[in-house]
């Protein structure tokens, strides 16, 4: 199948699917964290301007993004 598709188009398809997977896993990570920690809600605390929760979410997004990005990047070889 890869002989039929141009490698540039194939890379765009991989990037698009990888982006969707990354967004899904970021959403899943936030949802799971909200369910595990019952003392506060992420959305409410971000609305109040809580910087600690904002930095925690940022770290979670960066970590999940790097992890999924590495898996997708290694899969392209």
PDB file of N, CA and C in Angstrom:
ATOM      1  N   UNK A   1       0.820  -1.199   0.000  1.00  0.00           N
ATOM      2  CA  UNK A   1       0.000   0.000   0.000  1.00  0.00           C
ATOM      3  C   UNK A   1       0.861   1.259   0.000  1.00  0.00           C
ATOM      4  N   UNK A   2       2.022   1.191   0.655  1.00  0.00           N
ATOM      5  CA  UNK A   2       2.874   2.376   0.708  1.00  0.00           C
ATOM      6  C   UNK A   2       3.492   2.695  -0.646  1.00  0.00           C
ATOM      7  N   UNK A   3       3.553   1.715  -1.547  1.00  0.00           N
ATOM      8  CA  UNK A   3       4.075   1.984  -2.879  1.00  0.00           C
ATOM      9  C   UNK A   3       3.102   2.828  -3.690  1.00  0.00           C
ATOM     10  N   UNK A   4       1.816   2.706  -3.390  1.00  0.00           N
ATOM     11  CA  UNK A   4       0.790   3.432  -4.128  1.00  0.00           C
ATOM     12  C   UNK A   4       0.717   4.887  -3.679  1.00  0.00           C
ATOM     13  N   UNK A   5       0.788   5.113  -2.362  1.00  0.00           N
ATOM     14  CA  UNK A   5       0.687   6.472  -1.821  1.00  0.00           C
ATOM     15  C   UNK A   5       2.042   7.171  -1.846  1.00  0.00           C
ATOM     16  N   UNK A   6       2.002   8.443  -2.135  1.00  0.00           N
ATOM     17  CA  UNK A   6       3.203   9.265  -2.087  1.00  0.00           C
ATOM     18  C   UNK A   6       3.653   9.369  -0.621  1.00  0.00           C
ATOM     19  N   UNK A   7       4.944   9.253  -0.349  1.00  0.00           N
ATOM     20  CA  UNK A   7       5.410   9.312   1.044  1.00  0.00           C
ATOM     21  C   UNK A   7       5.025  10.609   1.760  1.00  0.00           C
ATOM     22  N   UNK A   8       4.935  11.714   1.053  1.00  0.00           N
ATOM     23  CA  UNK A   8       4.557  12.978   1.697  1.00  0.00           C
ATOM     24  C   UNK A   8       3.117  12.909   2.179  1.00  0.00           C
ATOM     25  N   UNK A   9       2.232  12.371   1.337  1.00  0.00           N
ATOM     26  CA  UNK A   9       0.828  12.236   1.731  1.00  0.00           C
ATOM     27  C   UNK A   9       0.705  11.255   2.885  1.00  0.00           C
ATOM     28  N   UNK A  10       1.455  10.183   2.845  1.00  0.00           N
ATOM     29  CA  UNK A  10       1.429   9.191   3.906  1.00  0.00           C
ATOM     30  C   UNK A  10       1.887   9.805   5.236  1.00  0.00           C
ATOM     31  N   UNK A  11       2.915  10.658   5.196  1.00  0.00           N
ATOM     32  CA  UNK A  11       3.374  11.325   6.416  1.00  0.00           C
ATOM     33  C   UNK A  11       2.322  12.282   6.961  1.00  0.00           C
ATOM     34  N   UNK A  12       1.597  12.981   6.088  1.00  0.00           N
ATOM     35  CA  UNK A  12       0.514  13.852   6.558  1.00  0.00           C
ATOM     36  C   UNK A  12      -0.599  13.030   7.211  1.00  0.00           C
ATOM     37  N   UNK A  13      -0.893  11.879   6.645  1.00  0.00           N
ATOM     38  CA  UNK A  13      -1.912  11.005   7.243  1.00  0.00           C
ATOM     39  C   UNK A  13      -1.455  10.529   8.623  1.00  0.00           C
ATOM     40  N   UNK A  14      -0.183  10.114   8.732  1.00  0.00           N
ATOM     41  CA  UNK A  14       0.367   9.696  10.024  1.00  0.00           C
ATOM     42  C   UNK A  14       0.313  10.841  11.029  1.00  0.00           C
ATOM     43  N   UNK A  15       0.660  12.047  10.604  1.00  0.00           N
ATOM     44  CA  UNK A  15       0.652  13.197  11.509  1.00  0.00           C
ATOM     45  C   UNK A  15      -0.768  13.518  11.966  1.00  0.00           C
ATOM     46  N   UNK A  16      -1.729  13.438  11.057  1.00  0.00           N
ATOM     47  CA  UNK A  16      -3.118  13.725  11.405  1.00  0.00           C
ATOM     48  C   UNK A  16      -3.653  12.701  12.407  1.00  0.00           C
ATOM     49  N   UNK A  17      -3.425  11.422  12.126  1.00  0.00           N
ATOM     50  CA  UNK A  17      -3.882  10.378  13.037  1.00  0.00           C
ATOM     51  C   UNK A  17      -3.156  10.488  14.382  1.00  0.00           C
ATOM     52  N   UNK A  18      -1.869  10.805  14.349  1.00  0.00           N
ATOM     53  CA  UNK A  18      -1.114  10.989  15.587  1.00  0.00           C
ATOM     54  C   UNK A  18      -1.631  12.161  16.403  1.00  0.00           C
ATOM     55  N   UNK A  19      -2.000  13.250  15.741  1.00  0.00           N
ATOM     56  CA  UNK A  19      -2.567  14.396  16.441  1.00  0.00           C
ATOM     57  C   UNK A  19      -3.893  14.053  17.102  1.00  0.00           C
ATOM     58  N   UNK A  20      -4.738  13.315  16.391  1.00  0.00           N
ATOM     59  CA  UNK A  20      -6.018  12.895  16.978  1.00  0.00           C
ATOM     60  C   UNK A  20      -5.799  11.971  18.176  1.00  0.00           C
ATOM     61  N   UNK A  21      -4.841  11.055  18.042  1.00  0.00           N
ATOM     62  CA  UNK A  21      -4.549  10.162  19.165  1.00  0.00           C
ATOM     63  C   UNK A  21      -4.028  10.936  20.367  1.00  0.00           C
ATOM     64  N   UNK A  22      -3.174  11.919  20.124  1.00  0.00           N
ATOM     65  CA  UNK A  22      -2.622  12.712  21.215  1.00  0.00           C
ATOM     66  C   UNK A  22      -3.718  13.488  21.929  1.00  0.00           C
ATOM     67  N   UNK A  23      -4.612  14.125  21.173  1.00  0.00           N
ATOM     68  CA  UNK A  23      -5.721  14.845  21.795  1.00  0.00           C
ATOM     69  C   UNK A  23      -6.610  13.908  22.607  1.00  0.00           C
ATOM     70  N   UNK A  24      -6.880  12.721  22.067  1.00  0.00           N
ATOM     71  CA  UNK A  24      -7.703  11.761  22.793  1.00  0.00           C
ATOM     72  C   UNK A  24      -7.054  11.352  24.108  1.00  0.00           C
ATOM     73  N   UNK A  25      -5.751  11.046  24.073  1.00  0.00           N
ATOM     74  CA  UNK A  25      -5.084  10.617  25.295  1.00  0.00           C
ATOM     75  C   UNK A  25      -4.938  11.754  26.297  1.00  0.00           C
ATOM     76  N   UNK A  26      -4.817  12.990  25.834  1.00  0.00           N
ATOM     77  CA  UNK A  26      -4.797  14.122  26.765  1.00  0.00           C
ATOM     78  C   UNK A  26      -6.153  14.279  27.445  1.00  0.00           C
ATOM     79  N   UNK A  27      -7.225  14.144  26.673  1.00  0.00           N
ATOM     80  CA  UNK A  27      -8.573  14.211  27.251  1.00  0.00           C
ATOM     81  C   UNK A  27      -8.771  13.069  28.246  1.00  0.00           C
ATOM     82  N   UNK A  28      -8.338  11.867  27.876  1.00  0.00           N
ATOM     83  CA  UNK A  28      -8.475  10.708  28.751  1.00  0.00           C
ATOM     84  C   UNK A  28      -7.684  10.900  30.044  1.00  0.00           C
ATOM     85  N   UNK A  29      -6.479  11.449  29.945  1.00  0.00           N
ATOM     86  CA  UNK A  29      -5.662  11.696  31.132  1.00  0.00           C
ATOM     87  C   UNK A  29      -6.320  12.679  32.088  1.00  0.00           C
ATOM     88  N   UNK A  30      -6.875  13.770  31.561  1.00  0.00           N
ATOM     89  CA  UNK A  30      -7.558  14.741  32.419  1.00  0.00           C
ATOM     90  C   UNK A  30      -8.796  14.140  33.054  1.00  0.00           C
ATOM     91  N   UNK A  31      -9.542  13.365  32.275  1.00  0.00           N
ATOM     92  CA  UNK A  31     -10.756  12.746  32.798  1.00  0.00           C
ATOM     93  C   UNK A  31     -10.425  11.749  33.902  1.00  0.00           C
ATOM     94  N   UNK A  32      -9.407  10.932  33.686  1.00  0.00           N
ATOM     95  CA  UNK A  32      -9.017   9.958  34.710  1.00  0.00           C
ATOM     96  C   UNK A  32      -8.508  10.656  35.965  1.00  0.00           C
ATOM     97  N   UNK A  33      -7.740  11.728  35.786  1.00  0.00           N
ATOM     98  CA  UNK A  33      -7.232  12.453  36.951  1.00  0.00           C
ATOM     99  C   UNK A  33      -8.373  13.083  37.732  1.00  0.00           C
ATOM    100  N   UNK A  34      -9.361  13.642  37.032  1.00  0.00           N
ATOM    101  CA  UNK A  34     -10.524  14.221  37.708  1.00  0.00           C
ATOM    102  C   UNK A  34     -11.281  13.169  38.508  1.00  0.00           C
ATOM    103  N   UNK A  35     -11.366  11.952  37.999  1.00  0.00           N
ATOM    104  CA  UNK A  35     -12.073  10.889  38.709  1.00  0.00           C
ATOM    105  C   UNK A  35     -11.283  10.374  39.907  1.00  0.00           C
ATOM    106  N   UNK A  36      -9.942  10.369  39.813  1.00  0.00           N
ATOM    107  CA  UNK A  36      -9.121   9.881  40.918  1.00  0.00           C
ATOM    108  C   UNK A  36      -9.049  10.877  42.062  1.00  0.00           C
ATOM    109  N   UNK A  37      -9.017  12.162  41.749  1.00  0.00           N
ATOM    110  CA  UNK A  37      -8.891  13.196  42.770  1.00  0.00           C
ATOM    111  C   UNK A  37     -10.266  13.833  42.947  1.00  0.00           C
ATOM    112  N   UNK A  38     -10.915  13.499  44.023  1.00  0.00           N
ATOM    113  CA  UNK A  38     -12.282  13.977  44.239  1.00  0.00           C
ATOM    114  C   UNK A  38     -12.330  15.287  45.023  1.00  0.00           C
ATOM    115  N   UNK A  39     -11.184  15.805  45.454  1.00  0.00           N
ATOM    116  CA  UNK A  39     -11.197  17.003  46.290  1.00  0.00           C
ATOM    117  C   UNK A  39     -11.399  18.283  45.491  1.00  0.00           C
ATOM    118  N   UNK A  40     -11.111  18.274  44.214  1.00  0.00           N
ATOM    119  CA  UNK A  40     -11.313  19.463  43.387  1.00  0.00           C
ATOM    120  C   UNK A  40     -11.582  19.049  41.953  1.00  0.00           C
ATOM    121  N   UNK A  41     -12.142  19.977  41.189  1.00  0.00           N
ATOM    122  CA  UNK A  41     -12.392  19.796  39.771  1.00  0.00           C
ATOM    123  C   UNK A  41     -11.430  20.692  39.001  1.00  0.00           C
ATOM    124  N   UNK A  42     -10.801  20.133  37.968  1.00  0.00           N
ATOM    125  CA  UNK A  42      -9.810  20.884  37.198  1.00  0.00           C
ATOM    126  C   UNK A  42     -10.432  22.120  36.571  1.00  0.00           C
ATOM    127  N   UNK A  43     -11.595  21.967  35.948  1.00  0.00           N
ATOM    128  CA  UNK A  43     -12.205  23.101  35.248  1.00  0.00           C
ATOM    129  C   UNK A  43     -12.595  24.220  36.202  1.00  0.00           C
ATOM    130  N   UNK A  44     -13.100  23.870  37.390  1.00  0.00           N
ATOM    131  CA  UNK A  44     -13.478  24.897  38.365  1.00  0.00           C
ATOM    132  C   UNK A  44     -12.250  25.642  38.874  1.00  0.00           C
ATOM    133  N   UNK A  45     -11.193  24.903  39.179  1.00  0.00           N
ATOM    134  CA  UNK A  45      -9.983  25.534  39.706  1.00  0.00           C
ATOM    135  C   UNK A  45      -9.290  26.398  38.654  1.00  0.00           C
ATOM    136  N   UNK A  46      -9.320  25.966  37.406  1.00  0.00           N
ATOM    137  CA  UNK A  46      -8.742  26.805  36.349  1.00  0.00           C
ATOM    138  C   UNK A  46      -9.562  28.079  36.169  1.00  0.00           C
ATOM    139  N   UNK A  47     -10.878  27.966  36.331  1.00  0.00           N
ATOM    140  CA  UNK A  47     -11.737  29.145  36.242  1.00  0.00           C
ATOM    141  C   UNK A  47     -11.453  30.145  37.346  1.00  0.00           C
ATOM    142  N   UNK A  48     -11.037  29.651  38.520  1.00  0.00           N
ATOM    143  CA  UNK A  48     -10.690  30.528  39.639  1.00  0.00           C
ATOM    144  C   UNK A  48      -9.296  31.136  39.478  1.00  0.00           C
ATOM    145  N   UNK A  49      -8.528  30.621  38.534  1.00  0.00           N
ATOM    146  CA  UNK A  49      -7.179  31.147  38.320  1.00  0.00           C
ATOM    147  C   UNK A  49      -6.115  30.446  39.149  1.00  0.00           C
ATOM    148  N   UNK A  50      -6.356  29.223  39.559  1.00  0.00           N
ATOM    149  CA  UNK A  50      -5.405  28.463  40.363  1.00  0.00           C
ATOM    150  C   UNK A  50      -4.207  28.066  39.496  1.00  0.00           C
ATOM    151  N   UNK A  51      -3.074  28.680  39.764  1.00  0.00           N
ATOM    152  CA  UNK A  51      -1.872  28.454  38.963  1.00  0.00           C
ATOM    153  C   UNK A  51      -1.296  27.046  39.156  1.00  0.00           C
ATOM    154  N   UNK A  52      -1.435  26.490  40.362  1.00  0.00           N
ATOM    155  CA  UNK A  52      -0.892  25.151  40.617  1.00  0.00           C
ATOM    156  C   UNK A  52      -1.601  24.107  39.764  1.00  0.00           C
ATOM    157  N   UNK A  53      -2.922  24.217  39.668  1.00  0.00           N
ATOM    158  CA  UNK A  53      -3.671  23.272  38.837  1.00  0.00           C
ATOM    159  C   UNK A  53      -3.317  23.487  37.368  1.00  0.00           C
ATOM    160  N   UNK A  54      -3.152  24.727  36.960  1.00  0.00           N
ATOM    161  CA  UNK A  54      -2.771  25.019  35.585  1.00  0.00           C
ATOM    162  C   UNK A  54      -1.420  24.420  35.225  1.00  0.00           C
ATOM    163  N   UNK A  55      -0.469  24.516  36.138  1.00  0.00           N
ATOM    164  CA  UNK A  55       0.849  23.943  35.884  1.00  0.00           C
ATOM    165  C   UNK A  55       0.809  22.413  35.889  1.00  0.00           C
ATOM    166  N   UNK A  56      -0.061  21.837  36.726  1.00  0.00           N
ATOM    167  CA  UNK A  56      -0.216  20.385  36.751  1.00  0.00           C
ATOM    168  C   UNK A  56      -0.791  19.903  35.418  1.00  0.00           C
ATOM    169  N   UNK A  57      -1.801  20.594  34.905  1.00  0.00           N
ATOM    170  CA  UNK A  57      -2.398  20.221  33.618  1.00  0.00           C
ATOM    171  C   UNK A  57      -1.376  20.405  32.501  1.00  0.00           C
ATOM    172  N   UNK A  58      -0.595  21.476  32.568  1.00  0.00           N
ATOM    173  CA  UNK A  58       0.436  21.705  31.561  1.00  0.00           C
ATOM    174  C   UNK A  58       1.448  20.551  31.562  1.00  0.00           C
ATOM    175  N   UNK A  59       1.884  20.140  32.733  1.00  0.00           N
ATOM    176  CA  UNK A  59       2.827  19.035  32.837  1.00  0.00           C
ATOM    177  C   UNK A  59       2.250  17.730  32.323  1.00  0.00           C
ATOM    178  N   UNK A  60       0.971  17.516  32.624  1.00  0.00           N
ATOM    179  CA  UNK A  60       0.306  16.316  32.136  1.00  0.00           C
ATOM    180  C   UNK A  60       0.243  16.316  30.612  1.00  0.00           C
ATOM    181  N   UNK A  61      -0.129  17.445  30.021  1.00  0.00           N
ATOM    182  CA  UNK A  61      -0.224  17.547  28.569  1.00  0.00           C
ATOM    183  C   UNK A  61       1.137  17.381  27.906  1.00  0.00           C
ATOM    184  N   UNK A  62       2.161  17.988  28.480  1.00  0.00           N
ATOM    185  CA  UNK A  62       3.508  17.863  27.911  1.00  0.00           C
ATOM    186  C   UNK A  62       3.978  16.409  27.999  1.00  0.00           C
ATOM    187  N   UNK A  63       3.758  15.769  29.137  1.00  0.00           N
ATOM    188  CA  UNK A  63       4.185  14.382  29.312  1.00  0.00           C
ATOM    189  C   UNK A  63       3.473  13.427  28.370  1.00  0.00           C
ATOM    190  N   UNK A  64       2.163  13.568  28.268  1.00  0.00           N
ATOM    191  CA  UNK A  64       1.407  12.689  27.373  1.00  0.00           C
ATOM    192  C   UNK A  64       1.794  12.963  25.922  1.00  0.00           C
ATOM    193  N   UNK A  65       1.961  14.249  25.589  1.00  0.00           N
ATOM    194  CA  UNK A  65       2.342  14.605  24.222  1.00  0.00           C
ATOM    195  C   UNK A  65       3.693  14.043  23.828  1.00  0.00           C
ATOM    196  N   UNK A  66       4.654  14.125  24.729  1.00  0.00           N
ATOM    197  CA  UNK A  66       5.979  13.577  24.436  1.00  0.00           C
ATOM    198  C   UNK A  66       5.909  12.062  24.305  1.00  0.00           C
ATOM    199  N   UNK A  67       5.179  11.421  25.208  1.00  0.00           N
ATOM    200  CA  UNK A  67       5.066   9.968  25.160  1.00  0.00           C
ATOM    201  C   UNK A  67       4.425   9.473  23.885  1.00  0.00           C
ATOM    202  N   UNK A  68       3.292  10.051  23.516  1.00  0.00           N
ATOM    203  CA  UNK A  68       2.606   9.626  22.305  1.00  0.00           C
ATOM    204  C   UNK A  68       3.427  10.009  21.080  1.00  0.00           C
ATOM    205  N   UNK A  69       4.065  11.180  21.112  1.00  0.00           N
ATOM    206  CA  UNK A  69       4.896  11.606  19.990  1.00  0.00           C
ATOM    207  C   UNK A  69       6.066  10.666  19.739  1.00  0.00           C
ATOM    208  N   UNK A  70       6.668  10.178  20.811  1.00  0.00           N
ATOM    209  CA  UNK A  70       7.766   9.240  20.648  1.00  0.00           C
ATOM    210  C   UNK A  70       7.285   7.908  20.082  1.00  0.00           C
ATOM    211  N   UNK A  71       6.132   7.460  20.538  1.00  0.00           N
ATOM    212  CA  UNK A  71       5.588   6.193  20.023  1.00  0.00           C
ATOM    213  C   UNK A  71       5.272   6.326  18.539  1.00  0.00           C
ATOM    214  N   UNK A  72       4.643   7.438  18.160  1.00  0.00           N
ATOM    215  CA  UNK A  72       4.299   7.641  16.755  1.00  0.00           C
ATOM    216  C   UNK A  72       5.568   7.824  15.915  1.00  0.00           C
ATOM    217  N   UNK A  73       6.528   8.596  16.426  1.00  0.00           N
ATOM    218  CA  UNK A  73       7.773   8.825  15.699  1.00  0.00           C
ATOM    219  C   UNK A  73       8.550   7.545  15.472  1.00  0.00           C
ATOM    220  N   UNK A  74       8.587   6.685  16.471  1.00  0.00           N
ATOM    221  CA  UNK A  74       9.297   5.418  16.300  1.00  0.00           C
ATOM    222  C   UNK A  74       8.550   4.486  15.365  1.00  0.00           C
ATOM    223  N   UNK A  75       7.240   4.654  15.284  1.00  0.00           N
ATOM    224  CA  UNK A  75       6.448   3.820  14.382  1.00  0.00           C
ATOM    225  C   UNK A  75       6.634   4.174  12.927  1.00  0.00           C
ATOM    226  N   UNK A  76       7.163   5.358  12.638  1.00  0.00           N
ATOM    227  CA  UNK A  76       7.354   5.768  11.238  1.00  0.00           C
ATOM    228  C   UNK A  76       8.569   5.111  10.599  1.00  0.00           C
ATOM    229  N   UNK A  77       9.463   4.593  11.412  1.00  0.00           N
ATOM    230  CA  UNK A  77      10.685   3.967  10.851  1.00  0.00           C
ATOM    231  C   UNK A  77      10.435   2.616  10.305  1.00  0.00           C
TER     232      UNK A  77
END
